Amino acid sequence: MSRPSKAELLKLSIPGIKGLMAARTPLARLEARKAELEAQIARIEADLEQLVRGFTLAPARKRTRRTRGRQGTPGRQGTPGRQGKAARKAGAVRAAARPQQTLQDVVVAVIRQNGGKMAFQDILATIQANKLYHSRSRNFANVLRRTVSISPKVRRAGRGIYRL
């Protein structure tokens, strides 16, 4: 609602001014409520962003062909087949820098996000579509089926339906 100019206010009658004043109070209340709801939406979006960021996984490493090292191979030092202490330590640091979520944690988060009950095929489709978990298995459905069946956090609610 735009603010009337001084000339427009002078043209208003007493009932018109009273009507303008009466409309101003609910308008201020509604604008305050709108600001409150927008702040709440911003908090929810931040929580969702944080949840999605928790599912990001490190990119899959490129598989390289393993060959036996030889003393004269360029770029390699030391005895064949052995890593130096510094190399082992650097590998441990890299592995610790990227924490992996377990498949069970991913399944629990997916079920919780979708209301508490989900069909197995929906869980599988959600994990694969959003690339929430990386597995080297040729048949990821079997891995997921095994995880869901032995998980203490996930219970069977019916045929092919699971709940927390």
Protein backbone atom coordinates (compact mmCIF):
# COMPACT_ATOMS: atom_id res chain seq x y z
CA MET A 1 0.00 0.00 0.00
CA SER A 2 1.59 3.26 -1.09
CA ARG A 3 1.67 6.23 1.19
CA PRO A 4 -0.76 9.02 0.14
CA SER A 5 0.71 12.41 -0.64
CA LYS A 6 -0.04 15.50 1.46
CA ALA A 7 -2.39 16.86 -1.23
CA GLU A 8 -4.36 13.60 -1.29
CA LEU A 9 -4.65 13.62 2.50
CA LEU A 10 -6.07 17.12 2.45
CA LYS A 11 -8.79 15.99 0.03
CA LEU A 12 -9.90 13.11 2.31
CA SER A 13 -12.98 13.39 4.45
CA ILE A 14 -13.05 12.45 8.14
CA PRO A 15 -14.51 8.97 7.45
CA GLY A 16 -11.83 8.47 4.76
CA ILE A 17 -9.05 9.35 7.23
CA LYS A 18 -10.57 7.02 9.85
CA GLY A 19 -10.69 4.22 7.28
CA LEU A 20 -7.05 4.85 6.34
CA MET A 21 -6.02 4.71 10.01
CA ALA A 22 -8.03 1.52 10.60
CA ALA A 23 -6.33 -0.22 7.67
CA ARG A 24 -2.87 0.81 8.86
CA THR A 25 -2.87 -1.35 12.04
CA PRO A 26 -3.63 -4.73 10.40
CA LEU A 27 -1.26 -3.86 7.57
CA ALA A 28 1.63 -3.32 10.00
CA ARG A 29 0.77 -6.60 11.75
CA LEU A 30 0.70 -8.48 8.45
CA GLU A 31 4.01 -7.00 7.33
CA ALA A 32 5.62 -8.04 10.63
CA ARG A 33 4.23 -11.57 10.23
CA LYS A 34 5.54 -11.69 6.65
CA ALA A 35 9.05 -10.72 7.82
CA GLU A 36 8.89 -13.38 10.54
CA LEU A 37 7.85 -16.09 8.05
CA GLU A 38 10.59 -15.07 5.60
CA ALA A 39 13.18 -15.40 8.37
CA GLN A 40 11.77 -18.84 9.22
CA ILE A 41 11.98 -19.91 5.56
CA ALA A 42 15.60 -18.72 5.43
CA ARG A 43 16.43 -20.85 8.49
CA ILE A 44 14.74 -23.90 6.95
CA GLU A 45 16.64 -23.44 3.68
CA ALA A 46 19.91 -23.18 5.61
CA ASP A 47 19.09 -26.42 7.46
CA LEU A 48 18.28 -28.16 4.17
CA GLU A 49 21.52 -26.91 2.64
CA GLN A 50 23.47 -28.24 5.61
CA LEU A 51 21.71 -31.61 5.33
CA VAL A 52 22.45 -31.89 1.62
CA ARG A 53 26.06 -30.80 2.19
CA GLY A 54 26.39 -33.73 4.62
CA PHE A 55 25.67 -36.14 1.77
CA THR A 56 28.43 -34.94 -0.52
CA LEU A 57 30.98 -37.66 -0.98
CA ALA A 58 34.49 -37.53 -2.25
CA PRO A 59 34.72 -38.23 -5.98
CA ALA A 60 35.63 -41.78 -6.87
CA ARG A 61 39.32 -42.30 -7.36
CA LYS A 62 40.47 -43.27 -10.79
CA ARG A 63 41.51 -46.89 -10.89
CA THR A 64 45.07 -47.39 -11.97
CA ARG A 65 46.72 -50.58 -12.99
CA ARG A 66 48.96 -51.89 -10.28
CA THR A 67 52.42 -52.86 -11.33
CA ARG A 68 55.27 -54.13 -9.28
CA GLY A 69 57.76 -51.44 -8.57
CA ARG A 70 61.37 -51.83 -9.56
CA GLN A 71 64.40 -50.11 -8.15
CA GLY A 72 65.11 -48.30 -11.39
CA THR A 73 61.55 -47.08 -12.06
CA PRO A 74 61.48 -43.27 -12.31
CA GLY A 75 59.58 -41.55 -9.54
CA ARG A 76 59.91 -44.42 -7.08
CA GLN A 77 62.44 -44.64 -4.34
CA GLY A 78 63.25 -47.26 -1.77
CA THR A 79 62.63 -50.96 -1.86
CA PRO A 80 60.05 -52.41 -4.24
CA GLY A 81 56.53 -52.73 -2.88
CA ARG A 82 57.14 -50.68 0.26
CA GLN A 83 55.90 -47.25 1.17
CA GLY A 84 57.93 -44.83 3.16
CA LYS A 85 56.78 -43.57 6.53
CA ALA A 86 55.99 -40.11 5.12
CA ALA A 87 53.87 -41.57 2.30
CA ARG A 88 51.85 -43.70 4.73
CA LYS A 89 51.34 -40.70 6.99
CA ALA A 90 50.17 -38.51 4.06
CA GLY A 91 47.72 -41.21 3.00
CA ALA A 92 46.32 -41.42 6.50
CA VAL A 93 45.84 -37.66 6.61
CA ARG A 94 44.02 -37.69 3.28
CA ALA A 95 41.73 -40.51 4.41
CA ALA A 96 40.93 -38.73 7.68
CA ALA A 97 40.20 -35.46 5.88
CA ARG A 98 37.19 -36.92 4.05
CA PRO A 99 34.86 -38.65 6.48
CA GLN A 100 32.55 -41.16 4.82
CA GLN A 101 28.95 -41.65 5.89
CA THR A 102 27.87 -45.21 6.33
CA LEU A 103 25.13 -46.55 4.08
CA GLN A 104 22.98 -47.05 7.17
CA ASP A 105 23.26 -43.32 8.02
CA VAL A 106 22.31 -42.38 4.46
CA VAL A 107 19.26 -44.70 4.54
CA VAL A 108 18.12 -43.27 7.89
CA ALA A 109 18.47 -39.70 6.59
CA VAL A 110 16.54 -40.51 3.40
CA ILE A 111 13.68 -42.19 5.28
CA ARG A 112 13.53 -39.38 7.84
CA GLN A 113 13.49 -36.74 5.08
CA ASN A 114 10.58 -38.48 3.33
CA GLY A 115 8.23 -38.78 6.27
CA GLY A 116 9.23 -41.90 8.15
CA LYS A 117 8.10 -44.75 5.83
CA MET A 118 9.44 -45.65 2.40
CA ALA A 119 9.35 -48.49 -0.06
CA PHE A 120 12.67 -50.21 -0.76
CA GLN A 121 12.62 -49.23 -4.44
CA ASP A 122 12.04 -45.57 -3.49
CA ILE A 123 14.99 -45.65 -1.08
CA LEU A 124 17.18 -47.20 -3.77
CA ALA A 125 16.04 -44.70 -6.42
CA THR A 126 16.60 -41.71 -4.13
CA ILE A 127 20.12 -42.79 -3.17
CA GLN A 128 21.10 -43.50 -6.77
CA ALA A 129 19.45 -40.41 -8.26
CA ASN A 130 21.05 -38.03 -5.76
CA LYS A 131 24.36 -39.95 -5.68
CA LEU A 132 24.25 -40.06 -1.90
CA TYR A 133 26.48 -43.12 -1.51
CA HIS A 134 29.27 -44.57 -3.62
CA SER A 135 29.75 -48.31 -3.76
CA ARG A 136 31.97 -50.43 -5.96
CA SER A 137 29.44 -53.24 -5.89
CA ARG A 138 28.04 -54.41 -9.21
CA ASN A 139 24.65 -54.93 -7.60
CA PHE A 140 24.07 -52.02 -5.22
CA ALA A 141 20.48 -53.12 -4.60
CA ASN A 142 21.76 -56.25 -2.82
CA VAL A 143 24.11 -54.17 -0.65
CA LEU A 144 21.26 -51.85 0.28
CA ARG A 145 18.89 -54.78 0.93
CA ARG A 146 21.43 -56.35 3.28
CA THR A 147 22.06 -53.06 5.08
CA VAL A 148 18.36 -52.41 5.60
CA SER A 149 17.71 -55.96 6.82
CA ILE A 150 20.46 -55.97 9.48
CA SER A 151 20.26 -52.34 10.57
CA PRO A 152 19.08 -51.77 14.15
CA LYS A 153 17.84 -48.29 13.18
CA VAL A 154 15.56 -49.39 10.32
CA ARG A 155 12.55 -51.66 10.81
CA ARG A 156 10.32 -53.47 8.35
CA ALA A 157 6.82 -51.95 8.28
CA GLY A 158 5.38 -54.27 5.63
CA ARG A 159 6.33 -56.06 2.49
CA GLY A 160 9.05 -53.93 0.89
CA ILE A 161 8.31 -50.97 3.19
CA TYR A 162 10.70 -49.73 5.85
CA ARG A 163 10.46 -47.24 8.71
CA LEU A 164 12.75 -45.87 11.39
